[in-house]
Amino acid sequence: MKNQNANVKKLAIAGILTALGVIGGSMSIPVGFTRCAPMQSLINVLSAVFLGPWYAVASAFCISVLRNILGTGTIMAFPGSMCGALLAGLLYRMKPQLPMACVGEMIGTGVISAFLAWPIAIFVLGRQAGPFTYFLPFMAAAVSGVVIASVIVFLMKKSGAFEHLQRLAGNE
């Protein structure tokens, strides 16, 4: 029964983070010649820390689906979000420290997803693209999202909310 309650709580937290990702997914910041949307990377880090890799990937997938349905995202949202969420969650699980989740997000989204987006652009979208076409925009989003997530986690730790949310999610 206790494990079932923890799963329900994790699902509720994942739902809240997913809703925030969908709502905030259209916010962007101009960075050079590209527009940086850090909300997905922010959600990926928070999901990895509080929920683990599988909930983080599920949340990223749901955000991508909903943003595509609503017309605020593209097919690039799938590799752009899910690789970072998975790697952030796995690295945080290996060594539960915030920098691990941040490095996982930056490598997963900024590097791996950027290279996965290249064949999608060519074969699915029919666009001419090189292997490094998506590196700068994906890395800019990952770095800015990681910085914002780090500030949020720092403030949560300072206020005691971090430990409370960890207990609520069953990560004691």
C-alpha atoms as a PDB file:
ATOM      1  CA  MET A   1       0.000   0.000   0.000  1.00  0.00           C
ATOM      2  CA  LYS A   2       2.846   2.387   0.853  1.00  0.00           C
ATOM      3  CA  ASN A   3       4.517   1.758  -2.538  1.00  0.00           C
ATOM      4  CA  GLN A   4       1.209   2.373  -4.322  1.00  0.00           C
ATOM      5  CA  ASN A   5       0.786   5.707  -2.506  1.00  0.00           C
ATOM      6  CA  ALA A   6       4.318   6.708  -3.519  1.00  0.00           C
ATOM      7  CA  ASN A   7       3.534   5.893  -7.164  1.00  0.00           C
ATOM      8  CA  VAL A   8       0.351   7.976  -7.051  1.00  0.00           C
ATOM      9  CA  LYS A   9       2.277  10.886  -5.544  1.00  0.00           C
ATOM     10  CA  LYS A  10       4.993  10.572  -8.198  1.00  0.00           C
ATOM     11  CA  LEU A  11       2.343  10.483 -10.904  1.00  0.00           C
ATOM     12  CA  ALA A  12       0.744  13.636  -9.492  1.00  0.00           C
ATOM     13  CA  ILE A  13       4.100  15.441  -9.383  1.00  0.00           C
ATOM     14  CA  ALA A  14       4.830  14.273 -12.945  1.00  0.00           C
ATOM     15  CA  GLY A  15       1.432  15.608 -14.023  1.00  0.00           C
ATOM     16  CA  ILE A  16       2.150  19.010 -12.503  1.00  0.00           C
ATOM     17  CA  LEU A  17       5.597  19.166 -14.123  1.00  0.00           C
ATOM     18  CA  THR A  18       4.082  18.075 -17.448  1.00  0.00           C
ATOM     19  CA  ALA A  19       1.469  20.834 -17.246  1.00  0.00           C
ATOM     20  CA  LEU A  20       4.184  23.394 -16.485  1.00  0.00           C
ATOM     21  CA  GLY A  21       6.201  22.092 -19.443  1.00  0.00           C
ATOM     22  CA  VAL A  22       3.255  22.424 -21.820  1.00  0.00           C
ATOM     23  CA  ILE A  23       2.332  25.896 -20.589  1.00  0.00           C
ATOM     24  CA  GLY A  24       5.907  27.176 -20.492  1.00  0.00           C
ATOM     25  CA  GLY A  25       7.010  25.391 -23.646  1.00  0.00           C
ATOM     26  CA  SER A  26       6.194  28.324 -25.887  1.00  0.00           C
ATOM     27  CA  MET A  27       8.247  30.820 -23.855  1.00  0.00           C
ATOM     28  CA  SER A  28      11.581  31.531 -25.494  1.00  0.00           C
ATOM     29  CA  ILE A  29      14.598  33.782 -25.100  1.00  0.00           C
ATOM     30  CA  PRO A  30      16.538  35.154 -28.106  1.00  0.00           C
ATOM     31  CA  VAL A  31      20.099  33.795 -28.099  1.00  0.00           C
ATOM     32  CA  GLY A  32      22.098  35.001 -31.078  1.00  0.00           C
ATOM     33  CA  PHE A  33      20.340  33.833 -34.238  1.00  0.00           C
ATOM     34  CA  THR A  34      18.213  31.255 -32.447  1.00  0.00           C
ATOM     35  CA  ARG A  35      15.431  31.283 -29.893  1.00  0.00           C
ATOM     36  CA  CYS A  36      16.145  29.342 -26.729  1.00  0.00           C
ATOM     37  CA  ALA A  37      13.257  27.569 -24.961  1.00  0.00           C
ATOM     38  CA  PRO A  38      14.654  26.417 -21.599  1.00  0.00           C
ATOM     39  CA  MET A  39      11.439  25.141 -19.981  1.00  0.00           C
ATOM     40  CA  GLN A  40      11.798  21.535 -21.177  1.00  0.00           C
ATOM     41  CA  SER A  41      15.357  21.284 -19.847  1.00  0.00           C
ATOM     42  CA  LEU A  42      14.227  22.798 -16.559  1.00  0.00           C
ATOM     43  CA  ILE A  43      11.429  20.216 -16.282  1.00  0.00           C
ATOM     44  CA  ASN A  44      13.825  17.410 -17.264  1.00  0.00           C
ATOM     45  CA  VAL A  45      16.231  18.232 -14.437  1.00  0.00           C
ATOM     46  CA  LEU A  46      13.464  18.591 -11.848  1.00  0.00           C
ATOM     47  CA  SER A  47      11.833  15.343 -13.005  1.00  0.00           C
ATOM     48  CA  ALA A  48      15.148  13.513 -12.902  1.00  0.00           C
ATOM     49  CA  VAL A  49      15.882  14.717  -9.372  1.00  0.00           C
ATOM     50  CA  PHE A  50      12.456  14.174  -7.849  1.00  0.00           C
ATOM     51  CA  LEU A  51      10.967  11.322  -9.899  1.00  0.00           C
ATOM     52  CA  GLY A  52      13.719   9.310 -11.552  1.00  0.00           C
ATOM     53  CA  PRO A  53      14.557   8.492 -15.167  1.00  0.00           C
ATOM     54  CA  TRP A  54      11.391   6.677 -16.230  1.00  0.00           C
ATOM     55  CA  TYR A  55       8.961   9.291 -14.941  1.00  0.00           C
ATOM     56  CA  ALA A  56      11.212  11.993 -16.440  1.00  0.00           C
ATOM     57  CA  VAL A  57      11.100  10.341 -19.882  1.00  0.00           C
ATOM     58  CA  ALA A  58       7.340   9.778 -19.627  1.00  0.00           C
ATOM     59  CA  SER A  59       6.815  13.413 -18.672  1.00  0.00           C
ATOM     60  CA  ALA A  60       9.037  14.597 -21.555  1.00  0.00           C
ATOM     61  CA  PHE A  61       7.107  12.381 -23.972  1.00  0.00           C
ATOM     62  CA  CYS A  62       3.741  13.688 -22.737  1.00  0.00           C
ATOM     63  CA  ILE A  63       4.925  17.294 -23.004  1.00  0.00           C
ATOM     64  CA  SER A  64       6.094  16.670 -26.575  1.00  0.00           C
ATOM     65  CA  VAL A  65       2.813  15.012 -27.569  1.00  0.00           C
ATOM     66  CA  LEU A  66       0.688  17.752 -26.033  1.00  0.00           C
ATOM     67  CA  ARG A  67       2.787  20.558 -27.525  1.00  0.00           C
ATOM     68  CA  ASN A  68       2.506  18.946 -30.962  1.00  0.00           C
ATOM     69  CA  ILE A  69      -1.264  18.550 -30.593  1.00  0.00           C
ATOM     70  CA  LEU A  70      -1.575  22.189 -29.486  1.00  0.00           C
ATOM     71  CA  GLY A  71       0.655  23.392 -32.327  1.00  0.00           C
ATOM     72  CA  THR A  72       3.309  24.891 -30.030  1.00  0.00           C
ATOM     73  CA  GLY A  73       5.932  22.216 -30.710  1.00  0.00           C
ATOM     74  CA  THR A  74       7.467  20.281 -33.566  1.00  0.00           C
ATOM     75  CA  ILE A  75       8.595  16.711 -34.063  1.00  0.00           C
ATOM     76  CA  MET A  76      12.017  17.873 -32.836  1.00  0.00           C
ATOM     77  CA  ALA A  77      10.498  18.092 -29.347  1.00  0.00           C
ATOM     78  CA  PHE A  78      10.689  14.309 -29.010  1.00  0.00           C
ATOM     79  CA  PRO A  79      14.446  13.750 -29.323  1.00  0.00           C
ATOM     80  CA  GLY A  80      15.090  17.192 -27.846  1.00  0.00           C
ATOM     81  CA  SER A  81      13.364  16.334 -24.609  1.00  0.00           C
ATOM     82  CA  MET A  82      13.496  12.600 -24.076  1.00  0.00           C
ATOM     83  CA  CYS A  83      17.252  12.009 -24.416  1.00  0.00           C
ATOM     84  CA  GLY A  84      18.045  14.705 -21.882  1.00  0.00           C
ATOM     85  CA  ALA A  85      15.404  13.472 -19.450  1.00  0.00           C
ATOM     86  CA  LEU A  86      16.675   9.890 -19.640  1.00  0.00           C
ATOM     87  CA  LEU A  87      20.354  10.711 -19.249  1.00  0.00           C
ATOM     88  CA  ALA A  88      19.693  13.236 -16.460  1.00  0.00           C
ATOM     89  CA  GLY A  89      17.636  10.674 -14.571  1.00  0.00           C
ATOM     90  CA  LEU A  90      20.123   7.842 -15.051  1.00  0.00           C
ATOM     91  CA  LEU A  91      23.136   9.908 -14.003  1.00  0.00           C
ATOM     92  CA  TYR A  92      21.266  11.291 -10.988  1.00  0.00           C
ATOM     93  CA  ARG A  93      20.282   7.751 -10.008  1.00  0.00           C
ATOM     94  CA  MET A  94      23.950   6.656 -10.232  1.00  0.00           C
ATOM     95  CA  LYS A  95      25.144   9.551  -8.071  1.00  0.00           C
ATOM     96  CA  PRO A  96      22.318  11.587  -6.494  1.00  0.00           C
ATOM     97  CA  GLN A  97      23.829  15.040  -6.825  1.00  0.00           C
ATOM     98  CA  LEU A  98      22.341  17.914  -8.806  1.00  0.00           C
ATOM     99  CA  PRO A  99      25.421  18.388 -11.048  1.00  0.00           C
ATOM    100  CA  MET A 100      24.963  14.820 -12.328  1.00  0.00           C
ATOM    101  CA  ALA A 101      21.417  15.565 -13.483  1.00  0.00           C
ATOM    102  CA  CYS A 102      22.606  18.832 -15.034  1.00  0.00           C
ATOM    103  CA  VAL A 103      25.445  17.169 -16.957  1.00  0.00           C
ATOM    104  CA  GLY A 104      23.061  14.441 -18.115  1.00  0.00           C
ATOM    105  CA  GLU A 105      20.605  17.041 -19.393  1.00  0.00           C
ATOM    106  CA  MET A 106      23.274  19.016 -21.238  1.00  0.00           C
ATOM    107  CA  ILE A 107      24.788  15.925 -22.881  1.00  0.00           C
ATOM    108  CA  GLY A 108      21.424  14.286 -23.584  1.00  0.00           C
ATOM    109  CA  THR A 109      19.704  17.344 -25.006  1.00  0.00           C
ATOM    110  CA  GLY A 110      22.644  19.422 -26.189  1.00  0.00           C
ATOM    111  CA  VAL A 111      24.647  16.686 -27.892  1.00  0.00           C
ATOM    112  CA  ILE A 112      22.759  13.402 -28.361  1.00  0.00           C
ATOM    113  CA  SER A 113      19.407  14.986 -29.243  1.00  0.00           C
ATOM    114  CA  ALA A 114      21.068  17.458 -31.598  1.00  0.00           C
ATOM    115  CA  PHE A 115      22.561  14.584 -33.581  1.00  0.00           C
ATOM    116  CA  LEU A 116      19.296  12.599 -33.529  1.00  0.00           C
ATOM    117  CA  ALA A 117      17.462  15.645 -34.884  1.00  0.00           C
ATOM    118  CA  TRP A 118      19.688  15.758 -37.960  1.00  0.00           C
ATOM    119  CA  PRO A 119      18.287  12.635 -39.719  1.00  0.00           C
ATOM    120  CA  ILE A 120      14.761  13.568 -38.613  1.00  0.00           C
ATOM    121  CA  ALA A 121      15.172  16.928 -40.336  1.00  0.00           C
ATOM    122  CA  ILE A 122      16.381  15.277 -43.528  1.00  0.00           C
ATOM    123  CA  PHE A 123      14.171  12.194 -43.812  1.00  0.00           C
ATOM    124  CA  VAL A 124      10.980  13.248 -42.023  1.00  0.00           C
ATOM    125  CA  LEU A 125      10.833  17.001 -42.586  1.00  0.00           C
ATOM    126  CA  GLY A 126      12.652  16.989 -45.932  1.00  0.00           C
ATOM    127  CA  ARG A 127      15.015  19.816 -44.917  1.00  0.00           C
ATOM    128  CA  GLN A 128      18.655  20.154 -45.801  1.00  0.00           C
ATOM    129  CA  ALA A 129      20.657  20.023 -42.585  1.00  0.00           C
ATOM    130  CA  GLY A 130      24.134  19.190 -41.415  1.00  0.00           C
ATOM    131  CA  PRO A 131      25.062  17.085 -38.411  1.00  0.00           C
ATOM    132  CA  PHE A 132      25.721  20.195 -36.270  1.00  0.00           C
ATOM    133  CA  THR A 133      22.640  22.167 -37.356  1.00  0.00           C
ATOM    134  CA  TYR A 134      20.759  21.663 -34.092  1.00  0.00           C
ATOM    135  CA  PHE A 135      23.732  21.693 -31.732  1.00  0.00           C
ATOM    136  CA  LEU A 136      23.669  25.410 -30.852  1.00  0.00           C
ATOM    137  CA  PRO A 137      19.902  25.783 -30.312  1.00  0.00           C
ATOM    138  CA  PHE A 138      19.610  22.518 -28.349  1.00  0.00           C
ATOM    139  CA  MET A 139      22.688  23.277 -26.226  1.00  0.00           C
ATOM    140  CA  ALA A 140      21.515  26.850 -25.550  1.00  0.00           C
ATOM    141  CA  ALA A 141      18.171  25.521 -24.315  1.00  0.00           C
ATOM    142  CA  ALA A 142      19.856  22.825 -22.207  1.00  0.00           C
ATOM    143  CA  VAL A 143      22.363  25.169 -20.564  1.00  0.00           C
ATOM    144  CA  SER A 144      19.806  27.863 -19.783  1.00  0.00           C
ATOM    145  CA  GLY A 145      17.315  25.299 -18.450  1.00  0.00           C
ATOM    146  CA  VAL A 146      19.999  23.702 -16.275  1.00  0.00           C
ATOM    147  CA  VAL A 147      20.976  27.082 -14.826  1.00  0.00           C
ATOM    148  CA  ILE A 148      17.352  27.909 -13.984  1.00  0.00           C
ATOM    149  CA  ALA A 149      16.788  24.433 -12.502  1.00  0.00           C
ATOM    150  CA  SER A 150      19.933  24.771 -10.380  1.00  0.00           C
ATOM    151  CA  VAL A 151      18.720  28.081  -8.967  1.00  0.00           C
ATOM    152  CA  ILE A 152      15.286  26.594  -8.223  1.00  0.00           C
ATOM    153  CA  VAL A 153      16.774  23.534  -6.501  1.00  0.00           C
ATOM    154  CA  PHE A 154      19.163  25.747  -4.505  1.00  0.00           C
ATOM    155  CA  LEU A 155      16.258  27.895  -3.317  1.00  0.00           C
ATOM    156  CA  MET A 156      14.194  24.793  -2.541  1.00  0.00           C
ATOM    157  CA  LYS A 157      17.038  23.345  -0.463  1.00  0.00           C
ATOM    158  CA  LYS A 158      17.465  26.632   1.384  1.00  0.00           C
ATOM    159  CA  SER A 159      13.753  26.787   2.246  1.00  0.00           C
ATOM    160  CA  GLY A 160      13.384  23.106   3.141  1.00  0.00           C
ATOM    161  CA  ALA A 161      10.987  22.455   0.260  1.00  0.00           C
ATOM    162  CA  PHE A 162      13.492  20.151  -1.455  1.00  0.00           C
ATOM    163  CA  GLU A 163      13.509  17.600   1.358  1.00  0.00           C
ATOM    164  CA  HIS A 164       9.732  17.825   1.671  1.00  0.00           C
ATOM    165  CA  LEU A 165       9.224  17.121  -2.033  1.00  0.00           C
ATOM    166  CA  GLN A 166      11.780  14.279  -1.878  1.00  0.00           C
ATOM    167  CA  ARG A 167       9.815  12.673   0.979  1.00  0.00           C
ATOM    168  CA  LEU A 168       6.536  13.276  -0.857  1.00  0.00           C
ATOM    169  CA  ALA A 169       7.918  11.543  -3.961  1.00  0.00           C
ATOM    170  CA  GLY A 170       9.140   8.635  -1.837  1.00  0.00           C
ATOM    171  CA  ASN A 171      12.863   9.376  -2.329  1.00  0.00           C
ATOM    172  CA  GLU A 172      13.830   9.474   1.331  1.00  0.00           C
END
